[in-house]
């Protein structure tokens, strides 16, 4: 009888630890994504200060391909910053590995990824659809679903630069 009580206590404690680890991993991924978004925003401000414009973006899955090119100084998209080009965000180096990896090659383009390895979305050039006057940048969050103009349930965990 006492052995069953001890086993039950161990199972309860194990369940608490496992659920706590999941919560911690999600919180860490949210923090990492927010830091990456802030870095991209700063790099975009620097780029805009130098060039006088923000790059265009349609808000779709591959919308950060052009951001990668201008922010990493890789206009030809070969994975290397070109000599003479300004690197606004060195974190976009596709040669980084593990948890430092922030871009992924999709087809012929490098796409900027969030902590869940889903593409960030970037919208610029459509003032009627934008939430910010300059540009919109967002992650679809842990569920990978949503859109700025979508229903509240699908975008409840989205991370955006306009909240």
C-alpha atoms as a PDB file:
ATOM      1  CA  UNK A   1       0.000   0.000   0.000  1.00  0.00           C
ATOM      2  CA  UNK A   2       2.764   2.464   0.932  1.00  0.00           C
ATOM      3  CA  UNK A   3       4.596   1.598  -2.257  1.00  0.00           C
ATOM      4  CA  UNK A   4       1.536   2.584  -4.311  1.00  0.00           C
ATOM      5  CA  UNK A   5       1.340   5.924  -2.485  1.00  0.00           C
ATOM      6  CA  UNK A   6       5.024   6.586  -3.188  1.00  0.00           C
ATOM      7  CA  UNK A   7       4.544   5.686  -6.874  1.00  0.00           C
ATOM      8  CA  UNK A   8       1.503   7.965  -7.092  1.00  0.00           C
ATOM      9  CA  UNK A   9       3.471  10.855  -5.577  1.00  0.00           C
ATOM     10  CA  UNK A  10       6.346  10.280  -8.006  1.00  0.00           C
ATOM     11  CA  UNK A  11       3.913  10.260 -10.952  1.00  0.00           C
ATOM     12  CA  UNK A  12       2.313  13.519  -9.802  1.00  0.00           C
ATOM     13  CA  UNK A  13       5.725  15.171  -9.402  1.00  0.00           C
ATOM     14  CA  UNK A  14       6.889  13.885 -12.802  1.00  0.00           C
ATOM     15  CA  UNK A  15       3.759  15.291 -14.443  1.00  0.00           C
ATOM     16  CA  UNK A  16       4.375  18.681 -12.830  1.00  0.00           C
ATOM     17  CA  UNK A  17       8.012  18.741 -13.979  1.00  0.00           C
ATOM     18  CA  UNK A  18       7.164  17.717 -17.553  1.00  0.00           C
ATOM     19  CA  UNK A  19       4.424  20.348 -17.884  1.00  0.00           C
ATOM     20  CA  UNK A  20       6.758  22.975 -16.385  1.00  0.00           C
ATOM     21  CA  UNK A  21       9.460  22.174 -18.934  1.00  0.00           C
ATOM     22  CA  UNK A  22       6.977  22.612 -21.784  1.00  0.00           C
ATOM     23  CA  UNK A  23       5.890  25.987 -20.414  1.00  0.00           C
ATOM     24  CA  UNK A  24       9.530  27.083 -20.034  1.00  0.00           C
ATOM     25  CA  UNK A  25      10.408  26.064 -23.617  1.00  0.00           C
ATOM     26  CA  UNK A  26       7.420  28.005 -24.987  1.00  0.00           C
ATOM     27  CA  UNK A  27       8.327  31.072 -22.919  1.00  0.00           C
ATOM     28  CA  UNK A  28      11.945  30.868 -24.126  1.00  0.00           C
ATOM     29  CA  UNK A  29      10.811  30.607 -27.771  1.00  0.00           C
ATOM     30  CA  UNK A  30       8.529  33.631 -27.338  1.00  0.00           C
ATOM     31  CA  UNK A  31      11.413  35.621 -25.837  1.00  0.00           C
ATOM     32  CA  UNK A  32      13.803  34.566 -28.586  1.00  0.00           C
ATOM     33  CA  UNK A  33      11.284  35.561 -31.269  1.00  0.00           C
ATOM     34  CA  UNK A  34      10.669  38.948 -29.634  1.00  0.00           C
ATOM     35  CA  UNK A  35      14.408  39.635 -29.481  1.00  0.00           C
ATOM     36  CA  UNK A  36      14.783  38.668 -33.155  1.00  0.00           C
ATOM     37  CA  UNK A  37      11.880  40.937 -34.111  1.00  0.00           C
ATOM     38  CA  UNK A  38      13.438  43.848 -32.217  1.00  0.00           C
ATOM     39  CA  UNK A  39      16.766  43.192 -33.982  1.00  0.00           C
ATOM     40  CA  UNK A  40      15.067  43.150 -37.392  1.00  0.00           C
ATOM     41  CA  UNK A  41      13.213  46.373 -36.564  1.00  0.00           C
ATOM     42  CA  UNK A  42      16.459  48.137 -35.567  1.00  0.00           C
ATOM     43  CA  UNK A  43      18.184  46.884 -38.712  1.00  0.00           C
ATOM     44  CA  UNK A  44      15.262  48.104 -40.847  1.00  0.00           C
ATOM     45  CA  UNK A  45      15.456  51.543 -39.223  1.00  0.00           C
ATOM     46  CA  UNK A  46      19.186  51.714 -39.992  1.00  0.00           C
ATOM     47  CA  UNK A  47      18.578  50.577 -43.574  1.00  0.00           C
ATOM     48  CA  UNK A  48      15.816  53.160 -44.006  1.00  0.00           C
ATOM     49  CA  UNK A  49      18.046  55.858 -42.553  1.00  0.00           C
ATOM     50  CA  UNK A  50      20.747  55.019 -45.115  1.00  0.00           C
ATOM     51  CA  UNK A  51      18.543  54.427 -48.176  1.00  0.00           C
ATOM     52  CA  UNK A  52      15.527  56.623 -47.447  1.00  0.00           C
ATOM     53  CA  UNK A  53      13.034  53.762 -47.905  1.00  0.00           C
ATOM     54  CA  UNK A  54      11.977  50.469 -46.366  1.00  0.00           C
ATOM     55  CA  UNK A  55      12.095  47.361 -48.548  1.00  0.00           C
ATOM     56  CA  UNK A  56       8.746  46.211 -49.971  1.00  0.00           C
ATOM     57  CA  UNK A  57       7.030  43.112 -48.593  1.00  0.00           C
ATOM     58  CA  UNK A  58       3.684  41.439 -49.269  1.00  0.00           C
ATOM     59  CA  UNK A  59       3.132  39.800 -45.847  1.00  0.00           C
ATOM     60  CA  UNK A  60       3.126  36.282 -47.253  1.00  0.00           C
ATOM     61  CA  UNK A  61       5.255  33.298 -46.213  1.00  0.00           C
ATOM     62  CA  UNK A  62       8.294  34.289 -48.287  1.00  0.00           C
ATOM     63  CA  UNK A  63       8.032  38.011 -47.585  1.00  0.00           C
ATOM     64  CA  UNK A  64      11.297  38.134 -45.657  1.00  0.00           C
ATOM     65  CA  UNK A  65      13.431  36.956 -48.610  1.00  0.00           C
ATOM     66  CA  UNK A  66      14.045  40.549 -49.707  1.00  0.00           C
ATOM     67  CA  UNK A  67      14.650  41.586 -46.089  1.00  0.00           C
ATOM     68  CA  UNK A  68      17.384  38.978 -45.829  1.00  0.00           C
ATOM     69  CA  UNK A  69      19.042  40.321 -48.984  1.00  0.00           C
ATOM     70  CA  UNK A  70      19.129  43.967 -47.880  1.00  0.00           C
ATOM     71  CA  UNK A  71      19.774  43.411 -44.166  1.00  0.00           C
ATOM     72  CA  UNK A  72      22.549  40.839 -44.668  1.00  0.00           C
ATOM     73  CA  UNK A  73      24.130  42.594 -47.659  1.00  0.00           C
ATOM     74  CA  UNK A  74      23.509  39.657 -49.979  1.00  0.00           C
ATOM     75  CA  UNK A  75      21.644  41.095 -53.012  1.00  0.00           C
ATOM     76  CA  UNK A  76      22.329  38.016 -55.158  1.00  0.00           C
ATOM     77  CA  UNK A  77      21.045  35.638 -52.436  1.00  0.00           C
ATOM     78  CA  UNK A  78      24.005  33.267 -52.487  1.00  0.00           C
ATOM     79  CA  UNK A  79      24.331  33.041 -48.689  1.00  0.00           C
ATOM     80  CA  UNK A  80      27.332  35.372 -48.412  1.00  0.00           C
ATOM     81  CA  UNK A  81      27.373  39.084 -47.758  1.00  0.00           C
ATOM     82  CA  UNK A  82      28.926  40.879 -50.703  1.00  0.00           C
ATOM     83  CA  UNK A  83      32.022  43.023 -50.403  1.00  0.00           C
ATOM     84  CA  UNK A  84      31.027  46.668 -50.268  1.00  0.00           C
ATOM     85  CA  UNK A  85      27.480  45.918 -49.057  1.00  0.00           C
ATOM     86  CA  UNK A  86      26.408  46.960 -45.566  1.00  0.00           C
ATOM     87  CA  UNK A  87      25.482  44.155 -43.161  1.00  0.00           C
ATOM     88  CA  UNK A  88      22.718  45.575 -40.980  1.00  0.00           C
ATOM     89  CA  UNK A  89      22.021  42.330 -39.099  1.00  0.00           C
ATOM     90  CA  UNK A  90      24.817  39.767 -38.810  1.00  0.00           C
ATOM     91  CA  UNK A  91      22.430  37.293 -37.121  1.00  0.00           C
ATOM     92  CA  UNK A  92      21.095  36.560 -40.604  1.00  0.00           C
ATOM     93  CA  UNK A  93      24.251  34.648 -41.533  1.00  0.00           C
ATOM     94  CA  UNK A  94      22.962  31.380 -43.049  1.00  0.00           C
ATOM     95  CA  UNK A  95      26.165  29.628 -41.957  1.00  0.00           C
ATOM     96  CA  UNK A  96      25.248  29.842 -38.263  1.00  0.00           C
ATOM     97  CA  UNK A  97      24.094  26.555 -36.756  1.00  0.00           C
ATOM     98  CA  UNK A  98      21.879  25.255 -33.976  1.00  0.00           C
ATOM     99  CA  UNK A  99      19.929  27.738 -31.882  1.00  0.00           C
ATOM    100  CA  UNK A 100      21.703  30.652 -33.602  1.00  0.00           C
ATOM    101  CA  UNK A 101      20.215  29.750 -36.995  1.00  0.00           C
ATOM    102  CA  UNK A 102      17.716  32.421 -38.019  1.00  0.00           C
ATOM    103  CA  UNK A 103      17.425  31.880 -41.779  1.00  0.00           C
ATOM    104  CA  UNK A 104      16.553  28.865 -43.861  1.00  0.00           C
ATOM    105  CA  UNK A 105      16.968  28.277 -47.558  1.00  0.00           C
ATOM    106  CA  UNK A 106      13.576  27.687 -49.158  1.00  0.00           C
ATOM    107  CA  UNK A 107      13.898  27.040 -52.869  1.00  0.00           C
ATOM    108  CA  UNK A 108      16.359  29.669 -54.079  1.00  0.00           C
ATOM    109  CA  UNK A 109      15.634  32.201 -51.310  1.00  0.00           C
ATOM    110  CA  UNK A 110      16.795  32.630 -47.737  1.00  0.00           C
ATOM    111  CA  UNK A 111      13.815  33.225 -45.429  1.00  0.00           C
ATOM    112  CA  UNK A 112      14.058  34.732 -41.925  1.00  0.00           C
ATOM    113  CA  UNK A 113      12.634  32.269 -39.381  1.00  0.00           C
ATOM    114  CA  UNK A 114      11.169  32.622 -35.890  1.00  0.00           C
ATOM    115  CA  UNK A 115      12.004  30.384 -32.905  1.00  0.00           C
ATOM    116  CA  UNK A 116       9.567  27.721 -34.134  1.00  0.00           C
ATOM    117  CA  UNK A 117      11.358  27.681 -37.529  1.00  0.00           C
ATOM    118  CA  UNK A 118       8.354  29.240 -39.225  1.00  0.00           C
ATOM    119  CA  UNK A 119       8.813  32.241 -41.540  1.00  0.00           C
ATOM    120  CA  UNK A 120       8.401  35.739 -40.156  1.00  0.00           C
ATOM    121  CA  UNK A 121       5.945  37.851 -42.157  1.00  0.00           C
ATOM    122  CA  UNK A 122       6.756  41.364 -43.372  1.00  0.00           C
ATOM    123  CA  UNK A 123       4.364  43.859 -44.937  1.00  0.00           C
ATOM    124  CA  UNK A 124       5.363  47.176 -46.491  1.00  0.00           C
ATOM    125  CA  UNK A 125       3.855  49.047 -49.420  1.00  0.00           C
ATOM    126  CA  UNK A 126       0.165  48.444 -48.755  1.00  0.00           C
ATOM    127  CA  UNK A 127      -0.958  51.215 -46.351  1.00  0.00           C
ATOM    128  CA  UNK A 128      -4.581  50.044 -46.358  1.00  0.00           C
ATOM    129  CA  UNK A 129      -3.573  46.633 -44.989  1.00  0.00           C
ATOM    130  CA  UNK A 130      -0.731  47.716 -42.690  1.00  0.00           C
ATOM    131  CA  UNK A 131      -1.203  48.101 -38.945  1.00  0.00           C
ATOM    132  CA  UNK A 132       1.853  50.411 -38.631  1.00  0.00           C
ATOM    133  CA  UNK A 133       2.597  53.356 -40.900  1.00  0.00           C
ATOM    134  CA  UNK A 134       6.164  52.188 -41.647  1.00  0.00           C
ATOM    135  CA  UNK A 135       6.013  48.382 -41.820  1.00  0.00           C
ATOM    136  CA  UNK A 136       4.439  45.349 -40.157  1.00  0.00           C
ATOM    137  CA  UNK A 137       6.539  42.471 -38.880  1.00  0.00           C
ATOM    138  CA  UNK A 138       5.040  39.412 -37.201  1.00  0.00           C
ATOM    139  CA  UNK A 139       5.418  35.780 -36.251  1.00  0.00           C
ATOM    140  CA  UNK A 140       2.469  33.403 -36.366  1.00  0.00           C
ATOM    141  CA  UNK A 141       3.469  32.149 -32.911  1.00  0.00           C
ATOM    142  CA  UNK A 142       3.547  28.651 -31.541  1.00  0.00           C
ATOM    143  CA  UNK A 143       0.509  27.427 -33.504  1.00  0.00           C
ATOM    144  CA  UNK A 144       1.793  28.753 -36.841  1.00  0.00           C
ATOM    145  CA  UNK A 145      -1.655  30.139 -37.713  1.00  0.00           C
ATOM    146  CA  UNK A 146      -3.144  33.574 -38.080  1.00  0.00           C
ATOM    147  CA  UNK A 147      -2.999  36.765 -40.075  1.00  0.00           C
ATOM    148  CA  UNK A 148      -3.223  40.398 -38.914  1.00  0.00           C
ATOM    149  CA  UNK A 149      -6.701  40.699 -40.411  1.00  0.00           C
ATOM    150  CA  UNK A 150      -7.773  37.176 -39.400  1.00  0.00           C
ATOM    151  CA  UNK A 151     -10.073  36.036 -36.616  1.00  0.00           C
ATOM    152  CA  UNK A 152      -9.087  36.599 -32.989  1.00  0.00           C
ATOM    153  CA  UNK A 153      -8.675  32.901 -32.180  1.00  0.00           C
ATOM    154  CA  UNK A 154      -6.161  32.200 -34.956  1.00  0.00           C
ATOM    155  CA  UNK A 155      -3.990  35.192 -34.086  1.00  0.00           C
ATOM    156  CA  UNK A 156      -4.142  35.076 -30.284  1.00  0.00           C
ATOM    157  CA  UNK A 157      -0.563  33.819 -29.951  1.00  0.00           C
ATOM    158  CA  UNK A 158       0.889  35.878 -32.835  1.00  0.00           C
ATOM    159  CA  UNK A 159       3.831  38.114 -31.979  1.00  0.00           C
ATOM    160  CA  UNK A 160       3.641  41.467 -33.741  1.00  0.00           C
ATOM    161  CA  UNK A 161       5.347  44.849 -33.842  1.00  0.00           C
ATOM    162  CA  UNK A 162       2.063  46.698 -33.406  1.00  0.00           C
ATOM    163  CA  UNK A 163       0.717  45.412 -30.077  1.00  0.00           C
END
